[in-house]
């Protein structure tokens, strides 16, 4: 079973995405801030990171930079799922190692699950 680490601080979204991912057959871990996300990734590297950008403690940009510099984590598959949808932010996310950058308003949770499946195939 593939493991997804969902990094999201909105309890409502955590609930929706956790449910959808579990229904799709994934094991789901949740981190509500950047510090917790880094701790969990170092303990047990997930198959994919679903990462919000606006977070308490470390934001998503800082997490992407830390992953990029960490030999154990720098091959991790990452999907950024954020409300930040400016062209330069999307380019920044992809440049920092995200396989996909999804703007929350443009994707339903089911569509996000489909994108995850494509990347993990």
PDB file of N, CA and C in Angstrom:
ATOM      1  N   UNK A   1       0.847  -1.189   0.000  1.00  0.00           N
ATOM      2  CA  UNK A   1       0.000   0.000   0.000  1.00  0.00           C
ATOM      3  C   UNK A   1       0.890   1.248   0.000  1.00  0.00           C
ATOM      4  N   UNK A   2       0.612   2.153  -0.907  1.00  0.00           N
ATOM      5  CA  UNK A   2       1.395   3.387  -1.018  1.00  0.00           C
ATOM      6  C   UNK A   2       0.982   4.362   0.086  1.00  0.00           C
ATOM      7  N   UNK A   3       1.963   5.071   0.616  1.00  0.00           N
ATOM      8  CA  UNK A   3       1.710   6.032   1.689  1.00  0.00           C
ATOM      9  C   UNK A   3       1.793   7.457   1.167  1.00  0.00           C
ATOM     10  N   UNK A   4       0.795   8.248   1.524  1.00  0.00           N
ATOM     11  CA  UNK A   4       0.745   9.658   1.164  1.00  0.00           C
ATOM     12  C   UNK A   4       0.893  10.457   2.451  1.00  0.00           C
ATOM     13  N   UNK A   5       1.805  11.430   2.450  1.00  0.00           N
ATOM     14  CA  UNK A   5       1.880  12.366   3.570  1.00  0.00           C
ATOM     15  C   UNK A   5       1.168  13.634   3.128  1.00  0.00           C
ATOM     16  N   UNK A   6       0.050  13.917   3.773  1.00  0.00           N
ATOM     17  CA  UNK A   6      -0.755  15.099   3.488  1.00  0.00           C
ATOM     18  C   UNK A   6      -0.336  16.200   4.449  1.00  0.00           C
ATOM     19  N   UNK A   7       0.167  17.304   3.903  1.00  0.00           N
ATOM     20  CA  UNK A   7       0.597  18.428   4.734  1.00  0.00           C
ATOM     21  C   UNK A   7      -0.380  19.566   4.494  1.00  0.00           C
ATOM     22  N   UNK A   8      -1.283  19.753   5.450  1.00  0.00           N
ATOM     23  CA  UNK A   8      -2.389  20.702   5.295  1.00  0.00           C
ATOM     24  C   UNK A   8      -2.828  21.132   6.695  1.00  0.00           C
ATOM     25  N   UNK A   9      -3.039  22.429   6.886  1.00  0.00           N
ATOM     26  CA  UNK A   9      -3.426  22.916   8.216  1.00  0.00           C
ATOM     27  C   UNK A   9      -4.926  23.166   8.369  1.00  0.00           C
ATOM     28  N   UNK A  10      -5.707  23.002   7.323  1.00  0.00           N
ATOM     29  CA  UNK A  10      -7.154  23.199   7.397  1.00  0.00           C
ATOM     30  C   UNK A  10      -7.827  21.857   7.736  1.00  0.00           C
ATOM     31  N   UNK A  11      -8.409  21.737   8.951  1.00  0.00           N
ATOM     32  CA  UNK A  11      -8.994  20.458   9.386  1.00  0.00           C
ATOM     33  C   UNK A  11     -10.066  19.935   8.424  1.00  0.00           C
ATOM     34  N   UNK A  12     -10.834  20.832   7.823  1.00  0.00           N
ATOM     35  CA  UNK A  12     -11.881  20.438   6.877  1.00  0.00           C
ATOM     36  C   UNK A  12     -11.263  19.756   5.655  1.00  0.00           C
ATOM     37  N   UNK A  13     -10.201  20.350   5.104  1.00  0.00           N
ATOM     38  CA  UNK A  13      -9.528  19.770   3.938  1.00  0.00           C
ATOM     39  C   UNK A  13      -8.794  18.477   4.296  1.00  0.00           C
ATOM     40  N   UNK A  14      -8.199  18.429   5.481  1.00  0.00           N
ATOM     41  CA  UNK A  14      -7.533  17.205   5.943  1.00  0.00           C
ATOM     42  C   UNK A  14      -8.536  16.057   5.934  1.00  0.00           C
ATOM     43  N   UNK A  15      -9.730  16.325   6.454  1.00  0.00           N
ATOM     44  CA  UNK A  15     -10.775  15.305   6.527  1.00  0.00           C
ATOM     45  C   UNK A  15     -11.196  14.829   5.129  1.00  0.00           C
ATOM     46  N   UNK A  16     -11.465  15.775   4.235  1.00  0.00           N
ATOM     47  CA  UNK A  16     -11.903  15.437   2.872  1.00  0.00           C
ATOM     48  C   UNK A  16     -10.825  14.635   2.130  1.00  0.00           C
ATOM     49  N   UNK A  17      -9.594  15.149   2.119  1.00  0.00           N
ATOM     50  CA  UNK A  17      -8.528  14.485   1.364  1.00  0.00           C
ATOM     51  C   UNK A  17      -8.136  13.150   1.982  1.00  0.00           C
ATOM     52  N   UNK A  18      -8.114  13.068   3.302  1.00  0.00           N
ATOM     53  CA  UNK A  18      -7.798  11.788   3.964  1.00  0.00           C
ATOM     54  C   UNK A  18      -8.819  10.732   3.563  1.00  0.00           C
ATOM     55  N   UNK A  19     -10.089  11.103   3.603  1.00  0.00           N
ATOM     56  CA  UNK A  19     -11.159  10.166   3.248  1.00  0.00           C
ATOM     57  C   UNK A  19     -11.025   9.705   1.805  1.00  0.00           C
ATOM     58  N   UNK A  20     -10.854  10.645   0.886  1.00  0.00           N
ATOM     59  CA  UNK A  20     -10.742  10.306  -0.541  1.00  0.00           C
ATOM     60  C   UNK A  20      -9.535   9.408  -0.810  1.00  0.00           C
ATOM     61  N   UNK A  21      -8.404   9.728  -0.190  1.00  0.00           N
ATOM     62  CA  UNK A  21      -7.185   8.949  -0.407  1.00  0.00           C
ATOM     63  C   UNK A  21      -7.321   7.539   0.155  1.00  0.00           C
ATOM     64  N   UNK A  22      -7.936   7.422   1.320  1.00  0.00           N
ATOM     65  CA  UNK A  22      -8.143   6.094   1.918  1.00  0.00           C
ATOM     66  C   UNK A  22      -9.100   5.266   1.063  1.00  0.00           C
ATOM     67  N   UNK A  23     -10.150   5.905   0.554  1.00  0.00           N
ATOM     68  CA  UNK A  23     -11.098   5.210  -0.330  1.00  0.00           C
ATOM     69  C   UNK A  23     -10.394   4.696  -1.585  1.00  0.00           C
ATOM     70  N   UNK A  24      -9.342   5.416  -2.021  1.00  0.00           N
ATOM     71  CA  UNK A  24      -8.602   5.028  -3.224  1.00  0.00           C
ATOM     72  C   UNK A  24      -7.521   3.976  -2.913  1.00  0.00           C
ATOM     73  N   UNK A  25      -7.439   3.567  -1.657  1.00  0.00           N
ATOM     74  CA  UNK A  25      -6.511   2.499  -1.296  1.00  0.00           C
ATOM     75  C   UNK A  25      -5.141   2.942  -0.804  1.00  0.00           C
ATOM     76  N   UNK A  26      -5.016   4.225  -0.453  1.00  0.00           N
ATOM     77  CA  UNK A  26      -3.745   4.726   0.048  1.00  0.00           C
ATOM     78  C   UNK A  26      -3.726   4.735   1.577  1.00  0.00           C
ATOM     79  N   UNK A  27      -2.527   4.606   2.118  1.00  0.00           N
ATOM     80  CA  UNK A  27      -2.314   4.820   3.547  1.00  0.00           C
ATOM     81  C   UNK A  27      -2.021   6.314   3.680  1.00  0.00           C
ATOM     82  N   UNK A  28      -2.639   6.982   4.649  1.00  0.00           N
ATOM     83  CA  UNK A  28      -2.503   8.434   4.752  1.00  0.00           C
ATOM     84  C   UNK A  28      -1.926   8.837   6.106  1.00  0.00           C
ATOM     85  N   UNK A  29      -0.886   9.653   6.050  1.00  0.00           N
ATOM     86  CA  UNK A  29      -0.363  10.294   7.249  1.00  0.00           C
ATOM     87  C   UNK A  29      -0.646  11.782   7.083  1.00  0.00           C
ATOM     88  N   UNK A  30      -0.842  12.474   8.206  1.00  0.00           N
ATOM     89  CA  UNK A  30      -1.159  13.897   8.143  1.00  0.00           C
ATOM     90  C   UNK A  30      -0.180  14.690   8.999  1.00  0.00           C
ATOM     91  N   UNK A  31       0.242  15.824   8.459  1.00  0.00           N
ATOM     92  CA  UNK A  31       1.034  16.791   9.222  1.00  0.00           C
ATOM     93  C   UNK A  31       0.346  18.140   9.056  1.00  0.00           C
ATOM     94  N   UNK A  32       0.166  18.856  10.173  1.00  0.00           N
ATOM     95  CA  UNK A  32      -0.577  20.123  10.087  1.00  0.00           C
ATOM     96  C   UNK A  32       0.337  21.346  10.001  1.00  0.00           C
ATOM     97  N   UNK A  33       1.652  21.102  10.056  1.00  0.00           N
ATOM     98  CA  UNK A  33       2.582  22.219   9.855  1.00  0.00           C
ATOM     99  C   UNK A  33       3.896  21.690   9.282  1.00  0.00           C
ATOM    100  N   UNK A  34       4.749  22.616   8.880  1.00  0.00           N
ATOM    101  CA  UNK A  34       5.990  22.239   8.222  1.00  0.00           C
ATOM    102  C   UNK A  34       6.943  21.448   9.099  1.00  0.00           C
ATOM    103  N   UNK A  35       7.015  21.813  10.365  1.00  0.00           N
ATOM    104  CA  UNK A  35       7.913  21.136  11.290  1.00  0.00           C
ATOM    105  C   UNK A  35       7.519  19.661  11.442  1.00  0.00           C
ATOM    106  N   UNK A  36       6.225  19.424  11.644  1.00  0.00           N
ATOM    107  CA  UNK A  36       5.717  18.059  11.788  1.00  0.00           C
ATOM    108  C   UNK A  36       5.936  17.264  10.494  1.00  0.00           C
ATOM    109  N   UNK A  37       5.748  17.920   9.352  1.00  0.00           N
ATOM    110  CA  UNK A  37       5.936  17.254   8.051  1.00  0.00           C
ATOM    111  C   UNK A  37       7.371  16.758   7.902  1.00  0.00           C
ATOM    112  N   UNK A  38       8.338  17.608   8.206  1.00  0.00           N
ATOM    113  CA  UNK A  38       9.750  17.221   8.073  1.00  0.00           C
ATOM    114  C   UNK A  38      10.097  16.083   9.020  1.00  0.00           C
ATOM    115  N   UNK A  39       9.566  16.137  10.237  1.00  0.00           N
ATOM    116  CA  UNK A  39       9.820  15.088  11.231  1.00  0.00           C
ATOM    117  C   UNK A  39       9.278  13.753  10.718  1.00  0.00           C
ATOM    118  N   UNK A  40       8.041  13.762  10.223  1.00  0.00           N
ATOM    119  CA  UNK A  40       7.417  12.524   9.741  1.00  0.00           C
ATOM    120  C   UNK A  40       8.136  11.964   8.511  1.00  0.00           C
ATOM    121  N   UNK A  41       8.566  12.845   7.602  1.00  0.00           N
ATOM    122  CA  UNK A  41       9.267  12.390   6.398  1.00  0.00           C
ATOM    123  C   UNK A  41      10.593  11.730   6.746  1.00  0.00           C
ATOM    124  N   UNK A  42      11.286  12.278   7.746  1.00  0.00           N
ATOM    125  CA  UNK A  42      12.583  11.722   8.129  1.00  0.00           C
ATOM    126  C   UNK A  42      12.421  10.377   8.824  1.00  0.00           C
ATOM    127  N   UNK A  43      11.325  10.220   9.595  1.00  0.00           N
ATOM    128  CA  UNK A  43      11.075   8.954  10.293  1.00  0.00           C
ATOM    129  C   UNK A  43      10.701   7.855   9.311  1.00  0.00           C
ATOM    130  N   UNK A  44       9.845   8.207   8.353  1.00  0.00           N
ATOM    131  CA  UNK A  44       9.333   7.215   7.420  1.00  0.00           C
ATOM    132  C   UNK A  44       9.011   7.910   6.095  1.00  0.00           C
ATOM    133  N   UNK A  45       9.872   7.747   5.102  1.00  0.00           N
ATOM    134  CA  UNK A  45       9.708   8.451   3.821  1.00  0.00           C
ATOM    135  C   UNK A  45       8.436   7.951   3.125  1.00  0.00           C
ATOM    136  N   UNK A  46       7.494   8.858   2.841  1.00  0.00           N
ATOM    137  CA  UNK A  46       6.264   8.447   2.155  1.00  0.00           C
ATOM    138  C   UNK A  46       6.519   8.208   0.660  1.00  0.00           C
ATOM    139  N   UNK A  47       5.533   7.631  -0.021  1.00  0.00           N
ATOM    140  CA  UNK A  47       5.647   7.441  -1.468  1.00  0.00           C
ATOM    141  C   UNK A  47       5.383   8.750  -2.199  1.00  0.00           C
ATOM    142  N   UNK A  48       4.560   9.611  -1.570  1.00  0.00           N
ATOM    143  CA  UNK A  48       4.243  10.896  -2.193  1.00  0.00           C
ATOM    144  C   UNK A  48       3.892  11.906  -1.113  1.00  0.00           C
ATOM    145  N   UNK A  49       4.282  13.138  -1.352  1.00  0.00           N
ATOM    146  CA  UNK A  49       3.983  14.250  -0.449  1.00  0.00           C
ATOM    147  C   UNK A  49       2.941  15.128  -1.128  1.00  0.00           C
ATOM    148  N   UNK A  50       1.815  15.357  -0.455  1.00  0.00           N
ATOM    149  CA  UNK A  50       0.782  16.277  -0.937  1.00  0.00           C
ATOM    150  C   UNK A  50       0.899  17.507  -0.055  1.00  0.00           C
ATOM    151  N   UNK A  51       1.424  18.590  -0.618  1.00  0.00           N
ATOM    152  CA  UNK A  51       1.918  19.710   0.173  1.00  0.00           C
ATOM    153  C   UNK A  51       1.194  21.023  -0.095  1.00  0.00           C
ATOM    154  N   UNK A  52       0.680  21.616   0.979  1.00  0.00           N
ATOM    155  CA  UNK A  52       0.150  22.977   0.904  1.00  0.00           C
ATOM    156  C   UNK A  52       1.344  23.928   1.047  1.00  0.00           C
ATOM    157  N   UNK A  53       1.202  25.163   0.599  1.00  0.00           N
ATOM    158  CA  UNK A  53       2.297  26.128   0.698  1.00  0.00           C
ATOM    159  C   UNK A  53       2.148  27.000   1.945  1.00  0.00           C
ATOM    160  N   UNK A  54       0.942  27.479   2.210  1.00  0.00           N
ATOM    161  CA  UNK A  54       0.719  28.364   3.356  1.00  0.00           C
ATOM    162  C   UNK A  54       0.484  27.500   4.599  1.00  0.00           C
ATOM    163  N   UNK A  55       1.521  27.430   5.445  1.00  0.00           N
ATOM    164  CA  UNK A  55       1.493  26.570   6.632  1.00  0.00           C
ATOM    165  C   UNK A  55       2.128  27.276   7.827  1.00  0.00           C
ATOM    166  N   UNK A  56       1.742  26.856   9.045  1.00  0.00           N
ATOM    167  CA  UNK A  56       2.444  27.371  10.226  1.00  0.00           C
ATOM    168  C   UNK A  56       3.856  26.774  10.323  1.00  0.00           C
ATOM    169  N   UNK A  57       4.708  27.380  11.133  1.00  0.00           N
ATOM    170  CA  UNK A  57       6.110  26.985  11.348  1.00  0.00           C
ATOM    171  C   UNK A  57       6.923  27.135  10.071  1.00  0.00           C
ATOM    172  N   UNK A  58       7.125  26.055   9.306  1.00  0.00           N
ATOM    173  CA  UNK A  58       7.806  26.190   8.017  1.00  0.00           C
ATOM    174  C   UNK A  58       6.746  26.204   6.940  1.00  0.00           C
ATOM    175  N   UNK A  59       6.853  27.123   5.971  1.00  0.00           N
ATOM    176  CA  UNK A  59       5.885  27.080   4.873  1.00  0.00           C
ATOM    177  C   UNK A  59       6.334  26.050   3.831  1.00  0.00           C
ATOM    178  N   UNK A  60       5.488  25.830   2.837  1.00  0.00           N
ATOM    179  CA  UNK A  60       5.772  24.824   1.814  1.00  0.00           C
ATOM    180  C   UNK A  60       7.039  25.086   1.031  1.00  0.00           C
ATOM    181  N   UNK A  61       7.362  26.381   0.810  1.00  0.00           N
ATOM    182  CA  UNK A  61       8.593  26.705   0.080  1.00  0.00           C
ATOM    183  C   UNK A  61       9.809  26.215   0.863  1.00  0.00           C
ATOM    184  N   UNK A  62       9.791  26.446   2.180  1.00  0.00           N
ATOM    185  CA  UNK A  62      10.914  26.010   3.021  1.00  0.00           C
ATOM    186  C   UNK A  62      11.020  24.482   3.030  1.00  0.00           C
ATOM    187  N   UNK A  63       9.887  23.817   3.071  1.00  0.00           N
ATOM    188  CA  UNK A  63       9.888  22.350   3.048  1.00  0.00           C
ATOM    189  C   UNK A  63      10.494  21.850   1.736  1.00  0.00           C
ATOM    190  N   UNK A  64      10.083  22.437   0.612  1.00  0.00           N
ATOM    191  CA  UNK A  64      10.633  22.034  -0.690  1.00  0.00           C
ATOM    192  C   UNK A  64      12.148  22.224  -0.729  1.00  0.00           C
ATOM    193  N   UNK A  65      12.627  23.339  -0.176  1.00  0.00           N
ATOM    194  CA  UNK A  65      14.077  23.593  -0.163  1.00  0.00           C
ATOM    195  C   UNK A  65      14.809  22.569   0.703  1.00  0.00           C
ATOM    196  N   UNK A  66      14.233  22.237   1.854  1.00  0.00           N
ATOM    197  CA  UNK A  66      14.866  21.260   2.757  1.00  0.00           C
ATOM    198  C   UNK A  66      14.891  19.868   2.114  1.00  0.00           C
ATOM    199  N   UNK A  67      13.816  19.507   1.415  1.00  0.00           N
ATOM    200  CA  UNK A  67      13.760  18.208   0.733  1.00  0.00           C
ATOM    201  C   UNK A  67      14.836  18.146  -0.351  1.00  0.00           C
ATOM    202  N   UNK A  68      14.952  19.228  -1.098  1.00  0.00           N
ATOM    203  CA  UNK A  68      15.917  19.309  -2.205  1.00  0.00           C
ATOM    204  C   UNK A  68      17.352  19.055  -1.719  1.00  0.00           C
ATOM    205  N   UNK A  69      17.660  19.510  -0.502  1.00  0.00           N
ATOM    206  CA  UNK A  69      19.021  19.381   0.044  1.00  0.00           C
ATOM    207  C   UNK A  69      19.246  18.081   0.811  1.00  0.00           C
ATOM    208  N   UNK A  70      18.201  17.294   1.015  1.00  0.00           N
ATOM    209  CA  UNK A  70      18.305  16.077   1.828  1.00  0.00           C
ATOM    210  C   UNK A  70      18.414  14.847   0.924  1.00  0.00           C
ATOM    211  N   UNK A  71      19.558  14.164   0.980  1.00  0.00           N
ATOM    212  CA  UNK A  71      19.784  13.008   0.104  1.00  0.00           C
ATOM    213  C   UNK A  71      18.741  11.909   0.273  1.00  0.00           C
ATOM    214  N   UNK A  72      18.232  11.769   1.480  1.00  0.00           N
ATOM    215  CA  UNK A  72      17.240  10.726   1.754  1.00  0.00           C
ATOM    216  C   UNK A  72      15.870  11.087   1.154  1.00  0.00           C
ATOM    217  N   UNK A  73      15.619  12.388   0.996  1.00  0.00           N
ATOM    218  CA  UNK A  73      14.287  12.846   0.570  1.00  0.00           C
ATOM    219  C   UNK A  73      14.226  13.422  -0.838  1.00  0.00           C
ATOM    220  N   UNK A  74      15.377  13.726  -1.454  1.00  0.00           N
ATOM    221  CA  UNK A  74      15.329  14.508  -2.695  1.00  0.00           C
ATOM    222  C   UNK A  74      14.787  13.764  -3.925  1.00  0.00           C
ATOM    223  N   UNK A  75      14.458  12.489  -3.780  1.00  0.00           N
ATOM    224  CA  UNK A  75      13.799  11.786  -4.891  1.00  0.00           C
ATOM    225  C   UNK A  75      12.299  11.607  -4.621  1.00  0.00           C
ATOM    226  N   UNK A  76      11.842  12.172  -3.522  1.00  0.00           N
ATOM    227  CA  UNK A  76      10.431  12.076  -3.131  1.00  0.00           C
ATOM    228  C   UNK A  76       9.522  12.715  -4.183  1.00  0.00           C
ATOM    229  N   UNK A  77       8.432  12.026  -4.504  1.00  0.00           N
ATOM    230  CA  UNK A  77       7.440  12.593  -5.432  1.00  0.00           C
ATOM    231  C   UNK A  77       6.576  13.583  -4.651  1.00  0.00           C
ATOM    232  N   UNK A  78       6.400  14.769  -5.224  1.00  0.00           N
ATOM    233  CA  UNK A  78       5.689  15.847  -4.522  1.00  0.00           C
ATOM    234  C   UNK A  78       4.627  16.457  -5.430  1.00  0.00           C
ATOM    235  N   UNK A  79       3.435  16.631  -4.854  1.00  0.00           N
ATOM    236  CA  UNK A  79       2.390  17.420  -5.515  1.00  0.00           C
ATOM    237  C   UNK A  79       2.084  18.587  -4.588  1.00  0.00           C
ATOM    238  N   UNK A  80       2.233  19.798  -5.105  1.00  0.00           N
ATOM    239  CA  UNK A  80       1.831  20.975  -4.348  1.00  0.00           C
ATOM    240  C   UNK A  80       0.345  21.170  -4.597  1.00  0.00           C
ATOM    241  N   UNK A  81      -0.405  21.345  -3.515  1.00  0.00           N
ATOM    242  CA  UNK A  81      -1.846  21.611  -3.593  1.00  0.00           C
ATOM    243  C   UNK A  81      -2.078  22.886  -2.801  1.00  0.00           C
ATOM    244  N   UNK A  82      -2.257  23.993  -3.503  1.00  0.00           N
ATOM    245  CA  UNK A  82      -2.273  25.296  -2.840  1.00  0.00           C
ATOM    246  C   UNK A  82      -3.320  26.222  -3.445  1.00  0.00           C
ATOM    247  N   UNK A  83      -3.676  27.239  -2.673  1.00  0.00           N
ATOM    248  CA  UNK A  83      -4.533  28.297  -3.206  1.00  0.00           C
ATOM    249  C   UNK A  83      -3.721  29.348  -3.943  1.00  0.00           C
ATOM    250  N   UNK A  84      -2.392  29.306  -3.771  1.00  0.00           N
ATOM    251  CA  UNK A  84      -1.523  30.258  -4.464  1.00  0.00           C
ATOM    252  C   UNK A  84      -1.435  29.837  -5.931  1.00  0.00           C
ATOM    253  N   UNK A  85      -2.048  30.625  -6.809  1.00  0.00           N
ATOM    254  CA  UNK A  85      -2.130  30.204  -8.200  1.00  0.00           C
ATOM    255  C   UNK A  85      -1.475  31.122  -9.200  1.00  0.00           C
ATOM    256  N   UNK A  86      -0.651  32.060  -8.717  1.00  0.00           N
ATOM    257  CA  UNK A  86       0.056  32.951  -9.632  1.00  0.00           C
ATOM    258  C   UNK A  86       1.068  32.153 -10.450  1.00  0.00           C
ATOM    259  N   UNK A  87       1.264  32.566 -11.692  1.00  0.00           N
ATOM    260  CA  UNK A  87       2.188  31.862 -12.597  1.00  0.00           C
ATOM    261  C   UNK A  87       3.574  31.689 -11.965  1.00  0.00           C
ATOM    262  N   UNK A  88       4.105  32.753 -11.345  1.00  0.00           N
ATOM    263  CA  UNK A  88       5.456  32.653 -10.776  1.00  0.00           C
ATOM    264  C   UNK A  88       5.508  31.681  -9.594  1.00  0.00           C
ATOM    265  N   UNK A  89       4.408  31.550  -8.847  1.00  0.00           N
ATOM    266  CA  UNK A  89       4.384  30.599  -7.731  1.00  0.00           C
ATOM    267  C   UNK A  89       4.362  29.168  -8.256  1.00  0.00           C
ATOM    268  N   UNK A  90       3.581  28.940  -9.294  1.00  0.00           N
ATOM    269  CA  UNK A  90       3.516  27.607  -9.903  1.00  0.00           C
ATOM    270  C   UNK A  90       4.900  27.226 -10.437  1.00  0.00           C
ATOM    271  N   UNK A  91       5.540  28.160 -11.151  1.00  0.00           N
ATOM    272  CA  UNK A  91       6.887  27.900 -11.689  1.00  0.00           C
ATOM    273  C   UNK A  91       7.890  27.632 -10.571  1.00  0.00           C
ATOM    274  N   UNK A  92       7.785  28.395  -9.483  1.00  0.00           N
ATOM    275  CA  UNK A  92       8.675  28.218  -8.339  1.00  0.00           C
ATOM    276  C   UNK A  92       8.506  26.818  -7.736  1.00  0.00           C
ATOM    277  N   UNK A  93       7.256  26.391  -7.569  1.00  0.00           N
ATOM    278  CA  UNK A  93       6.983  25.066  -7.007  1.00  0.00           C
ATOM    279  C   UNK A  93       7.572  23.955  -7.866  1.00  0.00           C
ATOM    280  N   UNK A  94       7.410  24.067  -9.170  1.00  0.00           N
ATOM    281  CA  UNK A  94       7.929  23.049 -10.086  1.00  0.00           C
ATOM    282  C   UNK A  94       9.461  23.079 -10.103  1.00  0.00           C
ATOM    283  N   UNK A  95      10.033  24.284 -10.041  1.00  0.00           N
ATOM    284  CA  UNK A  95      11.488  24.423 -10.036  1.00  0.00           C
ATOM    285  C   UNK A  95      12.095  23.818  -8.758  1.00  0.00           C
ATOM    286  N   UNK A  96      11.349  23.916  -7.656  1.00  0.00           N
ATOM    287  CA  UNK A  96      11.835  23.392  -6.373  1.00  0.00           C
ATOM    288  C   UNK A  96      11.572  21.892  -6.215  1.00  0.00           C
ATOM    289  N   UNK A  97      11.100  21.244  -7.285  1.00  0.00           N
ATOM    290  CA  UNK A  97      11.020  19.786  -7.234  1.00  0.00           C
ATOM    291  C   UNK A  97       9.645  19.155  -7.240  1.00  0.00           C
ATOM    292  N   UNK A  98       8.590  19.953  -7.253  1.00  0.00           N
ATOM    293  CA  UNK A  98       7.249  19.365  -7.302  1.00  0.00           C
ATOM    294  C   UNK A  98       7.003  18.756  -8.687  1.00  0.00           C
ATOM    295  N   UNK A  99       6.406  17.560  -8.704  1.00  0.00           N
ATOM    296  CA  UNK A  99       6.072  16.917  -9.973  1.00  0.00           C
ATOM    297  C   UNK A  99       4.860  17.602 -10.606  1.00  0.00           C
ATOM    298  N   UNK A 100       3.964  18.071  -9.737  1.00  0.00           N
ATOM    299  CA  UNK A 100       2.752  18.779 -10.194  1.00  0.00           C
ATOM    300  C   UNK A 100       2.455  19.918  -9.226  1.00  0.00           C
ATOM    301  N   UNK A 101       1.809  20.959  -9.730  1.00  0.00           N
ATOM    302  CA  UNK A 101       1.360  22.065  -8.884  1.00  0.00           C
ATOM    303  C   UNK A 101      -0.113  22.246  -9.181  1.00  0.00           C
ATOM    304  N   UNK A 102      -0.951  21.911  -8.226  1.00  0.00           N
ATOM    305  CA  UNK A 102      -2.400  21.984  -8.414  1.00  0.00           C
ATOM    306  C   UNK A 102      -2.975  23.127  -7.578  1.00  0.00           C
ATOM    307  N   UNK A 103      -3.781  23.963  -8.213  1.00  0.00           N
ATOM    308  CA  UNK A 103      -4.462  25.038  -7.494  1.00  0.00           C
ATOM    309  C   UNK A 103      -5.772  24.458  -6.959  1.00  0.00           C
ATOM    310  N   UNK A 104      -5.950  24.550  -5.636  1.00  0.00           N
ATOM    311  CA  UNK A 104      -7.101  23.924  -4.968  1.00  0.00           C
ATOM    312  C   UNK A 104      -8.436  24.225  -5.660  1.00  0.00           C
ATOM    313  N   UNK A 105      -8.633  25.479  -6.036  1.00  0.00           N
ATOM    314  CA  UNK A 105      -9.911  25.879  -6.624  1.00  0.00           C
ATOM    315  C   UNK A 105     -10.182  25.222  -7.976  1.00  0.00           C
ATOM    316  N   UNK A 106      -9.150  24.694  -8.629  1.00  0.00           N
ATOM    317  CA  UNK A 106      -9.294  24.139  -9.975  1.00  0.00           C
ATOM    318  C   UNK A 106      -9.464  22.623  -9.999  1.00  0.00           C
ATOM    319  N   UNK A 107      -9.344  21.968  -8.846  1.00  0.00           N
ATOM    320  CA  UNK A 107      -9.405  20.503  -8.788  1.00  0.00           C
ATOM    321  C   UNK A 107     -10.324  20.036  -7.670  1.00  0.00           C
ATOM    322  N   UNK A 108     -11.168  19.053  -7.973  1.00  0.00           N
ATOM    323  CA  UNK A 108     -11.956  18.419  -6.921  1.00  0.00           C
ATOM    324  C   UNK A 108     -11.046  17.427  -6.198  1.00  0.00           C
ATOM    325  N   UNK A 109     -11.403  17.032  -4.981  1.00  0.00           N
ATOM    326  CA  UNK A 109     -10.585  16.018  -4.301  1.00  0.00           C
ATOM    327  C   UNK A 109     -10.430  14.735  -5.128  1.00  0.00           C
ATOM    328  N   UNK A 110     -11.458  14.336  -5.844  1.00  0.00           N
ATOM    329  CA  UNK A 110     -11.362  13.130  -6.688  1.00  0.00           C
ATOM    330  C   UNK A 110     -10.337  13.319  -7.805  1.00  0.00           C
ATOM    331  N   UNK A 111     -10.296  14.513  -8.394  1.00  0.00           N
ATOM    332  CA  UNK A 111      -9.323  14.797  -9.448  1.00  0.00           C
ATOM    333  C   UNK A 111      -7.899  14.810  -8.894  1.00  0.00           C
ATOM    334  N   UNK A 112      -7.743  15.299  -7.663  1.00  0.00           N
ATOM    335  CA  UNK A 112      -6.426  15.290  -7.021  1.00  0.00           C
ATOM    336  C   UNK A 112      -5.961  13.843  -6.835  1.00  0.00           C
ATOM    337  N   UNK A 113      -6.868  12.968  -6.407  1.00  0.00           N
ATOM    338  CA  UNK A 113      -6.539  11.549  -6.231  1.00  0.00           C
ATOM    339  C   UNK A 113      -6.094  10.951  -7.565  1.00  0.00           C
ATOM    340  N   UNK A 114      -6.767  11.296  -8.655  1.00  0.00           N
ATOM    341  CA  UNK A 114      -6.388  10.803  -9.976  1.00  0.00           C
ATOM    342  C   UNK A 114      -4.979  11.264 -10.363  1.00  0.00           C
ATOM    343  N   UNK A 115      -4.641  12.519 -10.057  1.00  0.00           N
ATOM    344  CA  UNK A 115      -3.300  13.036 -10.342  1.00  0.00           C
ATOM    345  C   UNK A 115      -2.254  12.270  -9.546  1.00  0.00           C
ATOM    346  N   UNK A 116      -2.571  11.953  -8.293  1.00  0.00           N
ATOM    347  CA  UNK A 116      -1.651  11.183  -7.442  1.00  0.00           C
ATOM    348  C   UNK A 116      -1.426   9.812  -8.054  1.00  0.00           C
ATOM    349  N   UNK A 117      -2.502   9.165  -8.482  1.00  0.00           N
ATOM    350  CA  UNK A 117      -2.385   7.820  -9.087  1.00  0.00           C
ATOM    351  C   UNK A 117      -1.481   7.859 -10.317  1.00  0.00           C
ATOM    352  N   UNK A 118      -1.631   8.899 -11.159  1.00  0.00           N
ATOM    353  CA  UNK A 118      -0.810   9.015 -12.370  1.00  0.00           C
ATOM    354  C   UNK A 118       0.673   9.107 -12.019  1.00  0.00           C
ATOM    355  N   UNK A 119       0.987   9.892 -11.009  1.00  0.00           N
ATOM    356  CA  UNK A 119       2.390  10.098 -10.630  1.00  0.00           C
ATOM    357  C   UNK A 119       2.979   8.832 -10.007  1.00  0.00           C
ATOM    358  N   UNK A 120       2.177   8.075  -9.283  1.00  0.00           N
ATOM    359  CA  UNK A 120       2.682   6.894  -8.603  1.00  0.00           C
ATOM    360  C   UNK A 120       2.696   5.639  -9.472  1.00  0.00           C
ATOM    361  N   UNK A 121       2.150   5.725 -10.679  1.00  0.00           N
ATOM    362  CA  UNK A 121       2.111   4.544 -11.569  1.00  0.00           C
ATOM    363  C   UNK A 121       3.507   4.108 -11.976  1.00  0.00           C
TER     364      UNK A 121
END
